[in-house]
C-alpha atoms as a PDB file:
ATOM      1  CA  UNK A   1      29.190  12.238  52.019  1.00  0.00           C
ATOM      2  CA  UNK A   2      32.293  10.220  51.167  1.00  0.00           C
ATOM      3  CA  UNK A   3      31.766   6.467  51.151  1.00  0.00           C
ATOM      4  CA  UNK A   4      32.683   5.058  54.584  1.00  0.00           C
ATOM      5  CA  UNK A   5      33.495   8.529  55.969  1.00  0.00           C
ATOM      6  CA  UNK A   6      33.661   8.203  59.748  1.00  0.00           C
ATOM      7  CA  UNK A   7      33.578  11.852  60.754  1.00  0.00           C
ATOM      8  CA  UNK A   8      33.793  11.139  64.465  1.00  0.00           C
ATOM      9  CA  UNK A   9      36.935   9.001  64.128  1.00  0.00           C
ATOM     10  CA  UNK A  10      38.509  11.542  61.786  1.00  0.00           C
ATOM     11  CA  UNK A  11      37.801  14.480  64.112  1.00  0.00           C
ATOM     12  CA  UNK A  12      39.314  12.550  67.035  1.00  0.00           C
ATOM     13  CA  UNK A  13      42.625  12.285  65.140  1.00  0.00           C
ATOM     14  CA  UNK A  14      42.951  16.008  64.386  1.00  0.00           C
ATOM     15  CA  UNK A  15      45.073  18.416  66.428  1.00  0.00           C
ATOM     16  CA  UNK A  16      42.006  20.532  67.109  1.00  0.00           C
ATOM     17  CA  UNK A  17      39.758  17.833  68.538  1.00  0.00           C
ATOM     18  CA  UNK A  18      42.039  15.131  69.912  1.00  0.00           C
ATOM     19  CA  UNK A  19      41.318  14.113  73.519  1.00  0.00           C
ATOM     20  CA  UNK A  20      37.817  15.591  73.286  1.00  0.00           C
ATOM     21  CA  UNK A  21      35.205  13.551  75.203  1.00  0.00           C
ATOM     22  CA  UNK A  22      33.104  11.244  73.033  1.00  0.00           C
ATOM     23  CA  UNK A  23      29.800  13.129  73.522  1.00  0.00           C
ATOM     24  CA  UNK A  24      31.353  16.305  72.096  1.00  0.00           C
ATOM     25  CA  UNK A  25      32.899  14.437  69.182  1.00  0.00           C
ATOM     26  CA  UNK A  26      29.449  13.089  68.417  1.00  0.00           C
ATOM     27  CA  UNK A  27      27.967  16.593  68.657  1.00  0.00           C
ATOM     28  CA  UNK A  28      30.684  17.949  66.364  1.00  0.00           C
ATOM     29  CA  UNK A  29      30.132  15.225  63.804  1.00  0.00           C
ATOM     30  CA  UNK A  30      26.459  16.184  63.609  1.00  0.00           C
ATOM     31  CA  UNK A  31      27.160  19.845  62.736  1.00  0.00           C
ATOM     32  CA  UNK A  32      30.127  19.109  60.454  1.00  0.00           C
ATOM     33  CA  UNK A  33      29.528  18.344  56.816  1.00  0.00           C
ATOM     34  CA  UNK A  34      31.715  17.577  53.790  1.00  0.00           C
ATOM     35  CA  UNK A  35      32.348  19.910  50.866  1.00  0.00           C
ATOM     36  CA  UNK A  36      34.067  18.984  47.624  1.00  0.00           C
ATOM     37  CA  UNK A  37      36.344  21.335  45.681  1.00  0.00           C
ATOM     38  CA  UNK A  38      38.064  20.821  42.362  1.00  0.00           C
ATOM     39  CA  UNK A  39      41.731  21.615  41.784  1.00  0.00           C
ATOM     40  CA  UNK A  40      42.192  25.383  41.499  1.00  0.00           C
ATOM     41  CA  UNK A  41      38.768  26.245  42.930  1.00  0.00           C
ATOM     42  CA  UNK A  42      38.581  29.016  45.541  1.00  0.00           C
ATOM     43  CA  UNK A  43      37.323  27.978  48.973  1.00  0.00           C
ATOM     44  CA  UNK A  44      37.134  31.529  50.294  1.00  0.00           C
ATOM     45  CA  UNK A  45      38.518  34.964  49.420  1.00  0.00           C
ATOM     46  CA  UNK A  46      40.344  37.481  51.584  1.00  0.00           C
ATOM     47  CA  UNK A  47      37.851  39.846  53.223  1.00  0.00           C
ATOM     48  CA  UNK A  48      34.960  37.387  52.986  1.00  0.00           C
ATOM     49  CA  UNK A  49      32.879  36.944  56.136  1.00  0.00           C
ATOM     50  CA  UNK A  50      34.149  33.978  58.147  1.00  0.00           C
ATOM     51  CA  UNK A  51      30.997  32.016  58.825  1.00  0.00           C
ATOM     52  CA  UNK A  52      32.869  28.787  59.501  1.00  0.00           C
ATOM     53  CA  UNK A  53      36.179  26.996  59.168  1.00  0.00           C
ATOM     54  CA  UNK A  54      37.496  23.851  57.512  1.00  0.00           C
ATOM     55  CA  UNK A  55      39.436  20.650  58.071  1.00  0.00           C
ATOM     56  CA  UNK A  56      41.191  18.929  55.185  1.00  0.00           C
ATOM     57  CA  UNK A  57      39.811  15.392  54.848  1.00  0.00           C
ATOM     58  CA  UNK A  58      41.420  14.500  51.499  1.00  0.00           C
ATOM     59  CA  UNK A  59      43.732  16.425  49.172  1.00  0.00           C
ATOM     60  CA  UNK A  60      45.773  19.575  49.726  1.00  0.00           C
ATOM     61  CA  UNK A  61      44.894  23.257  50.187  1.00  0.00           C
ATOM     62  CA  UNK A  62      46.891  26.469  49.957  1.00  0.00           C
ATOM     63  CA  UNK A  63      46.249  29.635  51.953  1.00  0.00           C
ATOM     64  CA  UNK A  64      47.774  32.683  50.317  1.00  0.00           C
ATOM     65  CA  UNK A  65      47.885  36.463  49.939  1.00  0.00           C
ATOM     66  CA  UNK A  66      47.765  38.140  46.544  1.00  0.00           C
ATOM     67  CA  UNK A  67      49.020  41.598  45.586  1.00  0.00           C
ATOM     68  CA  UNK A  68      47.039  43.935  43.301  1.00  0.00           C
ATOM     69  CA  UNK A  69      49.487  43.009  40.516  1.00  0.00           C
ATOM     70  CA  UNK A  70      48.640  39.324  40.958  1.00  0.00           C
ATOM     71  CA  UNK A  71      51.830  38.248  42.727  1.00  0.00           C
ATOM     72  CA  UNK A  72      51.118  35.394  45.122  1.00  0.00           C
ATOM     73  CA  UNK A  73      52.688  34.523  48.459  1.00  0.00           C
ATOM     74  CA  UNK A  74      51.647  31.176  49.883  1.00  0.00           C
ATOM     75  CA  UNK A  75      51.283  31.283  53.671  1.00  0.00           C
ATOM     76  CA  UNK A  76      50.229  27.715  54.454  1.00  0.00           C
ATOM     77  CA  UNK A  77      50.194  24.418  52.579  1.00  0.00           C
ATOM     78  CA  UNK A  78      47.754  22.061  54.271  1.00  0.00           C
ATOM     79  CA  UNK A  79      47.014  18.354  54.100  1.00  0.00           C
ATOM     80  CA  UNK A  80      44.673  15.824  55.727  1.00  0.00           C
ATOM     81  CA  UNK A  81      43.711  16.556  59.331  1.00  0.00           C
ATOM     82  CA  UNK A  82      44.836  20.185  59.279  1.00  0.00           C
ATOM     83  CA  UNK A  83      42.418  23.068  59.993  1.00  0.00           C
ATOM     84  CA  UNK A  84      42.275  26.430  58.235  1.00  0.00           C
ATOM     85  CA  UNK A  85      40.127  29.533  58.553  1.00  0.00           C
ATOM     86  CA  UNK A  86      39.862  28.819  62.271  1.00  0.00           C
ATOM     87  CA  UNK A  87      41.737  31.969  63.343  1.00  0.00           C
ATOM     88  CA  UNK A  88      39.171  34.231  61.693  1.00  0.00           C
ATOM     89  CA  UNK A  89      36.289  32.233  63.152  1.00  0.00           C
ATOM     90  CA  UNK A  90      37.740  32.237  66.658  1.00  0.00           C
ATOM     91  CA  UNK A  91      38.549  35.978  66.509  1.00  0.00           C
ATOM     92  CA  UNK A  92      35.246  36.933  64.883  1.00  0.00           C
ATOM     93  CA  UNK A  93      36.914  38.659  61.901  1.00  0.00           C
ATOM     94  CA  UNK A  94      36.804  38.258  58.118  1.00  0.00           C
ATOM     95  CA  UNK A  95      39.112  35.768  56.414  1.00  0.00           C
ATOM     96  CA  UNK A  96      42.547  37.490  56.309  1.00  0.00           C
ATOM     97  CA  UNK A  97      43.752  35.566  53.222  1.00  0.00           C
ATOM     98  CA  UNK A  98      42.563  33.461  50.294  1.00  0.00           C
ATOM     99  CA  UNK A  99      42.249  29.692  50.247  1.00  0.00           C
ATOM    100  CA  UNK A 100      42.034  27.416  47.215  1.00  0.00           C
ATOM    101  CA  UNK A 101      42.319  23.721  46.390  1.00  0.00           C
ATOM    102  CA  UNK A 102      45.783  22.600  45.279  1.00  0.00           C
ATOM    103  CA  UNK A 103      44.278  19.256  44.302  1.00  0.00           C
ATOM    104  CA  UNK A 104      40.770  17.868  44.091  1.00  0.00           C
ATOM    105  CA  UNK A 105      39.847  17.721  47.742  1.00  0.00           C
ATOM    106  CA  UNK A 106      37.199  16.913  50.312  1.00  0.00           C
ATOM    107  CA  UNK A 107      36.897  19.244  53.307  1.00  0.00           C
ATOM    108  CA  UNK A 108      34.852  19.150  56.479  1.00  0.00           C
ATOM    109  CA  UNK A 109      33.095  22.441  57.180  1.00  0.00           C
ATOM    110  CA  UNK A 110      32.235  23.592  60.713  1.00  0.00           C
ATOM    111  CA  UNK A 111      29.800  26.530  60.990  1.00  0.00           C
ATOM    112  CA  UNK A 112      30.993  29.219  63.393  1.00  0.00           C
ATOM    113  CA  UNK A 113      27.737  29.434  65.353  1.00  0.00           C
ATOM    114  CA  UNK A 114      27.661  25.714  66.149  1.00  0.00           C
ATOM    115  CA  UNK A 115      31.356  25.645  67.013  1.00  0.00           C
ATOM    116  CA  UNK A 116      31.131  28.620  69.407  1.00  0.00           C
ATOM    117  CA  UNK A 117      28.166  26.968  71.152  1.00  0.00           C
ATOM    118  CA  UNK A 118      30.253  23.828  71.697  1.00  0.00           C
ATOM    119  CA  UNK A 119      33.173  25.861  73.067  1.00  0.00           C
ATOM    120  CA  UNK A 120      30.843  27.337  75.682  1.00  0.00           C
ATOM    121  CA  UNK A 121      29.914  23.811  76.751  1.00  0.00           C
ATOM    122  CA  UNK A 122      33.382  22.224  76.619  1.00  0.00           C
ATOM    123  CA  UNK A 123      36.419  24.340  77.717  1.00  0.00           C
ATOM    124  CA  UNK A 124      38.819  21.698  76.349  1.00  0.00           C
ATOM    125  CA  UNK A 125      37.881  22.882  72.873  1.00  0.00           C
ATOM    126  CA  UNK A 126      39.153  26.383  73.687  1.00  0.00           C
ATOM    127  CA  UNK A 127      42.441  24.945  74.996  1.00  0.00           C
ATOM    128  CA  UNK A 128      42.881  22.929  71.805  1.00  0.00           C
ATOM    129  CA  UNK A 129      42.152  26.029  69.760  1.00  0.00           C
ATOM    130  CA  UNK A 130      44.828  27.958  71.687  1.00  0.00           C
ATOM    131  CA  UNK A 131      47.295  25.170  70.875  1.00  0.00           C
ATOM    132  CA  UNK A 132      46.489  25.515  67.168  1.00  0.00           C
ATOM    133  CA  UNK A 133      46.803  29.314  67.287  1.00  0.00           C
ATOM    134  CA  UNK A 134      50.180  28.931  69.003  1.00  0.00           C
ATOM    135  CA  UNK A 135      51.289  26.530  66.265  1.00  0.00           C
ATOM    136  CA  UNK A 136      50.181  29.014  63.588  1.00  0.00           C
ATOM    137  CA  UNK A 137      52.211  31.782  65.283  1.00  0.00           C
ATOM    138  CA  UNK A 138      55.331  29.590  65.355  1.00  0.00           C
ATOM    139  CA  UNK A 139      54.814  28.777  61.672  1.00  0.00           C
ATOM    140  CA  UNK A 140      54.597  32.493  60.817  1.00  0.00           C
ATOM    141  CA  UNK A 141      57.752  33.265  62.806  1.00  0.00           C
ATOM    142  CA  UNK A 142      59.588  30.406  61.088  1.00  0.00           C
ATOM    143  CA  UNK A 143      58.416  31.572  57.665  1.00  0.00           C
ATOM    144  CA  UNK A 144      59.530  35.169  58.269  1.00  0.00           C
ATOM    145  CA  UNK A 145      62.889  33.912  59.539  1.00  0.00           C
ATOM    146  CA  UNK A 146      63.320  31.622  56.538  1.00  0.00           C
ATOM    147  CA  UNK A 147      62.399  34.266  53.972  1.00  0.00           C
ATOM    148  CA  UNK A 148      64.640  36.913  55.506  1.00  0.00           C
ATOM    149  CA  UNK A 149      67.635  34.999  56.860  1.00  0.00           C
ATOM    150  CA  UNK A 150      67.996  31.644  55.090  1.00  0.00           C
ATOM    151  CA  UNK A 151      69.308  30.785  51.656  1.00  0.00           C
ATOM    152  CA  UNK A 152      66.797  29.245  49.254  1.00  0.00           C
ATOM    153  CA  UNK A 153      68.564  25.866  49.462  1.00  0.00           C
ATOM    154  CA  UNK A 154      68.148  25.897  53.257  1.00  0.00           C
ATOM    155  CA  UNK A 155      64.431  26.746  52.927  1.00  0.00           C
ATOM    156  CA  UNK A 156      63.845  23.926  50.465  1.00  0.00           C
ATOM    157  CA  UNK A 157      65.782  21.376  52.533  1.00  0.00           C
ATOM    158  CA  UNK A 158      63.894  22.431  55.676  1.00  0.00           C
ATOM    159  CA  UNK A 159      60.559  22.044  53.910  1.00  0.00           C
ATOM    160  CA  UNK A 160      61.443  18.581  52.580  1.00  0.00           C
ATOM    161  CA  UNK A 161      62.501  17.499  56.075  1.00  0.00           C
ATOM    162  CA  UNK A 162      59.228  18.837  57.482  1.00  0.00           C
ATOM    163  CA  UNK A 163      57.274  16.769  54.970  1.00  0.00           C
ATOM    164  CA  UNK A 164      59.430  13.715  55.769  1.00  0.00           C
ATOM    165  CA  UNK A 165      58.628  14.100  59.460  1.00  0.00           C
ATOM    166  CA  UNK A 166      54.896  14.160  58.688  1.00  0.00           C
ATOM    167  CA  UNK A 167      54.673  11.602  55.889  1.00  0.00           C
ATOM    168  CA  UNK A 168      57.781   9.438  55.841  1.00  0.00           C
ATOM    169  CA  UNK A 169      60.729   9.016  53.494  1.00  0.00           C
ATOM    170  CA  UNK A 170      58.644   9.170  50.290  1.00  0.00           C
ATOM    171  CA  UNK A 171      55.807  11.583  49.572  1.00  0.00           C
ATOM    172  CA  UNK A 172      53.901  13.519  46.941  1.00  0.00           C
ATOM    173  CA  UNK A 173      54.564  17.265  47.050  1.00  0.00           C
ATOM    174  CA  UNK A 174      50.901  17.819  46.205  1.00  0.00           C
ATOM    175  CA  UNK A 175      51.811  20.886  44.132  1.00  0.00           C
ATOM    176  CA  UNK A 176      53.925  21.896  41.154  1.00  0.00           C
ATOM    177  CA  UNK A 177      57.310  23.604  41.321  1.00  0.00           C
ATOM    178  CA  UNK A 178      55.780  27.058  40.681  1.00  0.00           C
ATOM    179  CA  UNK A 179      53.528  26.716  43.726  1.00  0.00           C
ATOM    180  CA  UNK A 180      56.404  25.478  45.875  1.00  0.00           C
ATOM    181  CA  UNK A 181      58.525  28.402  44.649  1.00  0.00           C
ATOM    182  CA  UNK A 182      55.769  30.819  45.705  1.00  0.00           C
ATOM    183  CA  UNK A 183      55.707  29.282  49.168  1.00  0.00           C
ATOM    184  CA  UNK A 184      59.501  29.467  49.549  1.00  0.00           C
ATOM    185  CA  UNK A 185      59.795  32.978  48.120  1.00  0.00           C
ATOM    186  CA  UNK A 186      61.832  32.200  45.015  1.00  0.00           C
ATOM    187  CA  UNK A 187      61.474  31.358  41.313  1.00  0.00           C
ATOM    188  CA  UNK A 188      60.412  28.045  39.711  1.00  0.00           C
ATOM    189  CA  UNK A 189      63.732  27.954  37.828  1.00  0.00           C
ATOM    190  CA  UNK A 190      65.705  28.149  41.081  1.00  0.00           C
ATOM    191  CA  UNK A 191      63.602  25.402  42.637  1.00  0.00           C
ATOM    192  CA  UNK A 192      64.170  23.140  39.615  1.00  0.00           C
ATOM    193  CA  UNK A 193      67.941  23.704  39.753  1.00  0.00           C
ATOM    194  CA  UNK A 194      67.991  22.976  43.487  1.00  0.00           C
ATOM    195  CA  UNK A 195      66.045  19.745  43.072  1.00  0.00           C
ATOM    196  CA  UNK A 196      68.559  18.713  40.408  1.00  0.00           C
ATOM    197  CA  UNK A 197      71.511  19.523  42.642  1.00  0.00           C
ATOM    198  CA  UNK A 198      70.055  17.709  45.668  1.00  0.00           C
ATOM    199  CA  UNK A 199      69.432  14.687  43.441  1.00  0.00           C
ATOM    200  CA  UNK A 200      72.980  14.692  42.027  1.00  0.00           C
ATOM    201  CA  UNK A 201      74.369  14.824  45.565  1.00  0.00           C
ATOM    202  CA  UNK A 202      72.373  11.706  46.419  1.00  0.00           C
ATOM    203  CA  UNK A 203      70.289  13.445  49.070  1.00  0.00           C
ATOM    204  CA  UNK A 204      66.918  12.923  47.367  1.00  0.00           C
ATOM    205  CA  UNK A 205      65.230  11.278  44.411  1.00  0.00           C
ATOM    206  CA  UNK A 206      62.740  13.463  42.563  1.00  0.00           C
ATOM    207  CA  UNK A 207      60.407  12.620  39.709  1.00  0.00           C
ATOM    208  CA  UNK A 208      57.599  15.058  39.006  1.00  0.00           C
ATOM    209  CA  UNK A 209      55.848  15.659  42.303  1.00  0.00           C
ATOM    210  CA  UNK A 210      57.219  12.495  43.934  1.00  0.00           C
ATOM    211  CA  UNK A 211      60.131  12.975  46.342  1.00  0.00           C
ATOM    212  CA  UNK A 212      62.114  10.345  48.223  1.00  0.00           C
ATOM    213  CA  UNK A 213      64.581  11.315  50.954  1.00  0.00           C
ATOM    214  CA  UNK A 214      67.767   9.252  50.565  1.00  0.00           C
ATOM    215  CA  UNK A 215      70.129  10.971  53.009  1.00  0.00           C
ATOM    216  CA  UNK A 216      68.395  12.552  55.991  1.00  0.00           C
ATOM    217  CA  UNK A 217      71.632  13.670  57.663  1.00  0.00           C
ATOM    218  CA  UNK A 218      72.973  15.252  54.474  1.00  0.00           C
ATOM    219  CA  UNK A 219      69.708  17.089  53.876  1.00  0.00           C
ATOM    220  CA  UNK A 220      69.725  18.267  57.495  1.00  0.00           C
ATOM    221  CA  UNK A 221      73.204  19.709  56.946  1.00  0.00           C
ATOM    222  CA  UNK A 222      71.915  21.673  53.944  1.00  0.00           C
ATOM    223  CA  UNK A 223      68.936  22.926  55.982  1.00  0.00           C
ATOM    224  CA  UNK A 224      71.277  24.090  58.759  1.00  0.00           C
ATOM    225  CA  UNK A 225      73.582  25.879  56.316  1.00  0.00           C
ATOM    226  CA  UNK A 226      76.427  23.466  57.072  1.00  0.00           C
ATOM    227  CA  UNK A 227      76.533  22.098  53.524  1.00  0.00           C
ATOM    228  CA  UNK A 228      76.246  25.008  51.072  1.00  0.00           C
ATOM    229  CA  UNK A 229      75.181  24.106  47.554  1.00  0.00           C
ATOM    230  CA  UNK A 230      77.016  27.015  45.997  1.00  0.00           C
ATOM    231  CA  UNK A 231      75.642  29.670  43.717  1.00  0.00           C
ATOM    232  CA  UNK A 232      72.278  28.703  42.208  1.00  0.00           C
END
Protein backbone atom coordinates (compact mmCIF):
# COMPACT_ATOMS: atom_id res chain seq x y z
CA UNK A 1 0.00 0.00 0.00
CA UNK A 2 1.09 3.59 -0.63
CA UNK A 3 2.50 5.35 2.42
CA UNK A 4 -0.30 7.27 4.17
CA UNK A 5 -2.92 6.05 1.67
CA UNK A 6 -6.32 6.78 3.18
CA UNK A 7 -8.53 4.69 0.93
CA UNK A 8 -11.74 5.67 2.68
CA UNK A 9 -11.10 9.41 2.31
CA UNK A 10 -10.04 8.95 -1.31
CA UNK A 11 -13.14 6.92 -2.20
CA UNK A 12 -15.37 9.57 -0.60
CA UNK A 13 -13.96 12.19 -3.01
CA UNK A 14 -14.63 10.20 -6.19
CA UNK A 15 -17.66 10.73 -8.43
CA UNK A 16 -18.63 7.10 -7.96
CA UNK A 17 -18.69 7.01 -4.17
CA UNK A 18 -19.31 10.57 -3.01
CA UNK A 19 -22.19 10.96 -0.54
CA UNK A 20 -22.03 7.26 0.32
CA UNK A 21 -22.72 6.55 4.01
CA UNK A 22 -19.62 5.97 6.12
CA UNK A 23 -20.29 2.26 6.83
CA UNK A 24 -20.31 1.51 3.09
CA UNK A 25 -17.16 3.53 2.50
CA UNK A 26 -15.51 1.46 5.20
CA UNK A 27 -16.77 -1.75 3.58
CA UNK A 28 -15.50 -0.60 0.19
CA UNK A 29 -12.09 0.27 1.57
CA UNK A 30 -11.76 -3.27 2.91
CA UNK A 31 -12.34 -4.93 -0.49
CA UNK A 32 -10.37 -2.35 -2.49
CA UNK A 33 -6.65 -2.78 -2.91
CA UNK A 34 -3.87 -0.89 -4.71
CA UNK A 35 -2.08 -2.05 -7.85
CA UNK A 36 1.02 -0.47 -9.35
CA UNK A 37 1.67 -0.21 -13.09
CA UNK A 38 4.70 1.12 -14.91
CA UNK A 39 4.46 3.55 -17.82
CA UNK A 40 3.32 1.69 -20.94
CA UNK A 41 2.15 -1.41 -19.08
CA UNK A 42 -1.22 -2.90 -20.04
CA UNK A 43 -3.86 -2.95 -17.31
CA UNK A 44 -6.32 -5.03 -19.31
CA UNK A 45 -6.91 -6.01 -22.94
CA UNK A 46 -10.05 -5.77 -25.05
CA UNK A 47 -12.07 -8.99 -24.74
CA UNK A 48 -10.59 -9.91 -21.36
CA UNK A 49 -13.07 -10.99 -18.69
CA UNK A 50 -14.05 -8.02 -16.52
CA UNK A 51 -13.56 -9.35 -13.02
CA UNK A 52 -13.29 -5.89 -11.50
CA UNK A 53 -12.79 -2.21 -12.22
CA UNK A 54 -10.32 0.51 -11.28
CA UNK A 55 -9.96 4.00 -9.86
CA UNK A 56 -6.92 6.11 -10.66
CA UNK A 57 -5.16 7.02 -7.40
CA UNK A 58 -1.97 8.48 -8.90
CA UNK A 59 -0.81 8.97 -12.49
CA UNK A 60 -2.71 8.84 -15.77
CA UNK A 61 -4.33 6.03 -17.78
CA UNK A 62 -5.52 5.75 -21.37
CA UNK A 63 -8.41 3.60 -22.58
CA UNK A 64 -8.18 2.87 -26.29
CA UNK A 65 -9.18 0.72 -29.25
CA UNK A 66 -6.62 -0.71 -31.65
CA UNK A 67 -7.13 -1.82 -35.25
CA UNK A 68 -5.58 -5.02 -36.65
CA UNK A 69 -3.00 -2.81 -38.40
CA UNK A 70 -1.99 -1.29 -35.05
CA UNK A 71 -3.68 2.09 -35.46
CA UNK A 72 -4.78 3.44 -32.09
CA UNK A 73 -7.77 5.56 -31.15
CA UNK A 74 -7.76 6.83 -27.58
CA UNK A 75 -11.26 6.87 -26.07
CA UNK A 76 -10.57 8.19 -22.57
CA UNK A 77 -7.66 9.88 -20.82
CA UNK A 78 -8.07 9.47 -17.07
CA UNK A 79 -6.49 11.02 -14.00
CA UNK A 80 -6.79 10.78 -10.20
CA UNK A 81 -10.25 9.96 -8.87
CA UNK A 82 -11.64 8.74 -12.19
CA UNK A 83 -13.00 5.19 -12.65
CA UNK A 84 -12.55 2.93 -15.66
CA UNK A 85 -13.65 -0.57 -16.57
CA UNK A 86 -16.80 0.02 -14.54
CA UNK A 87 -19.17 -0.19 -17.54
CA UNK A 88 -18.10 -3.75 -18.31
CA UNK A 89 -18.35 -4.75 -14.66
CA UNK A 90 -21.79 -3.21 -14.22
CA UNK A 91 -23.09 -4.76 -17.48
CA UNK A 92 -21.48 -8.15 -16.86
CA UNK A 93 -19.56 -8.12 -20.17
CA UNK A 94 -15.90 -8.38 -21.19
CA UNK A 95 -13.75 -5.25 -21.33
CA UNK A 96 -14.72 -3.50 -24.60
CA UNK A 97 -11.35 -1.74 -25.02
CA UNK A 98 -7.73 -1.78 -23.86
CA UNK A 99 -6.31 0.16 -20.94
CA UNK A 100 -2.67 0.99 -20.26
CA UNK A 101 -0.63 3.29 -18.02
CA UNK A 102 0.33 6.61 -19.60
CA UNK A 103 2.62 7.24 -16.65
CA UNK A 104 3.78 5.20 -13.68
CA UNK A 105 0.58 4.93 -11.72
CA UNK A 106 -1.16 3.55 -8.66
CA UNK A 107 -4.71 2.26 -9.10
CA UNK A 108 -7.34 1.01 -6.69
CA UNK A 109 -8.92 -2.25 -7.83
CA UNK A 110 -12.48 -3.24 -6.89
CA UNK A 111 -13.45 -6.88 -7.53
CA UNK A 112 -16.79 -7.23 -9.31
CA UNK A 113 -18.24 -9.77 -6.88
CA UNK A 114 -17.65 -7.58 -3.82
CA UNK A 115 -18.92 -4.47 -5.59
CA UNK A 116 -22.16 -6.13 -6.76
CA UNK A 117 -22.79 -7.37 -3.21
CA UNK A 118 -22.46 -3.81 -1.92
CA UNK A 119 -24.84 -2.49 -4.59
CA UNK A 120 -27.47 -4.95 -3.37
CA UNK A 121 -27.09 -3.53 0.13
CA UNK A 122 -26.87 0.17 -0.76
CA UNK A 123 -29.04 1.50 -3.66
CA UNK A 124 -27.16 4.83 -3.61
CA UNK A 125 -24.24 3.02 -5.20
CA UNK A 126 -26.41 2.09 -8.20
CA UNK A 127 -27.55 5.71 -8.57
CA UNK A 128 -23.94 6.90 -8.51
CA UNK A 129 -23.05 4.29 -11.10
CA UNK A 130 -25.88 5.53 -13.35
CA UNK A 131 -24.47 9.05 -13.03
CA UNK A 132 -21.05 7.81 -14.17
CA UNK A 133 -22.55 5.86 -17.08
CA UNK A 134 -24.46 8.99 -18.13
CA UNK A 135 -21.22 10.99 -18.01
CA UNK A 136 -19.48 8.36 -20.16
CA UNK A 137 -22.30 8.57 -22.74
CA UNK A 138 -22.01 12.36 -22.91
CA UNK A 139 -18.25 12.03 -23.36
CA UNK A 140 -18.74 9.60 -26.26
CA UNK A 141 -21.28 11.90 -27.92
CA UNK A 142 -18.93 14.86 -27.52
CA UNK A 143 -16.01 12.88 -28.94
CA UNK A 144 -18.00 11.74 -31.99
CA UNK A 145 -19.18 15.32 -32.55
CA UNK A 146 -15.65 16.68 -32.22
CA UNK A 147 -14.09 14.12 -34.55
CA UNK A 148 -16.75 14.55 -37.22
CA UNK A 149 -17.73 18.22 -37.06
CA UNK A 150 -14.95 20.28 -35.46
CA UNK A 151 -11.64 21.47 -36.84
CA UNK A 152 -8.53 20.09 -35.14
CA UNK A 153 -7.77 23.51 -33.61
CA UNK A 154 -11.23 23.56 -32.01
CA UNK A 155 -10.73 20.03 -30.61
CA UNK A 156 -7.37 20.94 -29.11
CA UNK A 157 -8.64 24.21 -27.61
CA UNK A 158 -11.67 22.41 -26.14
CA UNK A 159 -9.45 19.76 -24.58
CA UNK A 160 -7.11 22.35 -23.04
CA UNK A 161 -10.10 24.20 -21.59
CA UNK A 162 -11.44 20.93 -20.17
CA UNK A 163 -8.12 20.30 -18.44
CA UNK A 164 -8.06 23.90 -17.16
CA UNK A 165 -11.50 23.42 -15.64
CA UNK A 166 -10.31 20.30 -13.81
CA UNK A 167 -6.78 21.31 -12.83
CA UNK A 168 -6.39 25.07 -13.06
CA UNK A 169 -4.46 27.44 -15.31
CA UNK A 170 -1.27 25.33 -15.38
CA UNK A 171 -1.08 21.56 -15.77
CA UNK A 172 0.92 18.62 -17.04
CA UNK A 173 -0.60 16.98 -20.13
CA UNK A 174 0.48 13.62 -18.72
CA UNK A 175 1.19 12.34 -22.25
CA UNK A 176 3.30 13.14 -25.29
CA UNK A 177 2.08 14.89 -28.43
CA UNK A 178 1.66 11.58 -30.31
CA UNK A 179 -0.74 10.29 -27.65
CA UNK A 180 -2.67 13.55 -27.62
CA UNK A 181 -2.86 13.43 -31.43
CA UNK A 182 -4.33 9.91 -31.22
CA UNK A 183 -6.98 11.13 -28.80
CA UNK A 184 -7.90 14.11 -30.98
CA UNK A 185 -7.87 12.15 -34.24
CA UNK A 186 -4.99 13.92 -35.98
CA UNK A 187 -1.22 13.73 -36.50
CA UNK A 188 1.58 14.63 -34.05
CA UNK A 189 2.91 17.16 -36.59
CA UNK A 190 -0.44 18.98 -36.68
CA UNK A 191 -0.62 19.05 -32.90
CA UNK A 192 2.90 20.51 -32.67
CA UNK A 193 2.07 23.23 -35.21
CA UNK A 194 -1.13 24.09 -33.35
CA UNK A 195 0.66 24.36 -30.01
CA UNK A 196 3.15 26.71 -31.68
CA UNK A 197 0.40 28.85 -33.16
CA UNK A 198 -1.56 29.06 -29.89
CA UNK A 199 1.65 30.08 -28.13
CA UNK A 200 2.48 32.78 -30.70
CA UNK A 201 -1.02 34.20 -30.31
CA UNK A 202 -0.44 34.50 -26.57
CA UNK A 203 -3.23 32.09 -25.67
CA UNK A 204 -1.01 29.50 -23.96
CA UNK A 205 2.53 28.78 -22.86
CA UNK A 206 3.80 25.31 -23.70
CA UNK A 207 7.05 23.62 -22.78
CA UNK A 208 7.22 19.86 -23.19
CA UNK A 209 4.19 18.45 -21.42
CA UNK A 210 3.62 21.57 -19.31
CA UNK A 211 0.83 23.89 -20.46
CA UNK A 212 -0.24 27.22 -19.00
CA UNK A 213 -3.45 28.94 -20.13
CA UNK A 214 -2.78 32.66 -20.61
CA UNK A 215 -5.97 33.82 -22.33
CA UNK A 216 -9.06 31.82 -21.40
CA UNK A 217 -11.44 33.96 -23.48
CA UNK A 218 -9.23 33.78 -26.57
CA UNK A 219 -8.89 30.01 -26.25
CA UNK A 220 -12.66 29.72 -25.80
CA UNK A 221 -13.13 31.63 -29.06
CA UNK A 222 -10.88 29.12 -30.85
CA UNK A 223 -12.80 26.21 -29.30
CA UNK A 224 -16.10 27.71 -30.49
CA UNK A 225 -14.79 28.27 -34.02
CA UNK A 226 -15.01 32.05 -33.62
CA UNK A 227 -11.26 32.55 -33.98
CA UNK A 228 -9.98 30.36 -36.83
CA UNK A 229 -6.27 29.66 -36.84
CA UNK A 230 -6.10 29.28 -40.59
CA UNK A 231 -4.75 26.38 -42.57
CA UNK A 232 -2.56 24.07 -40.47
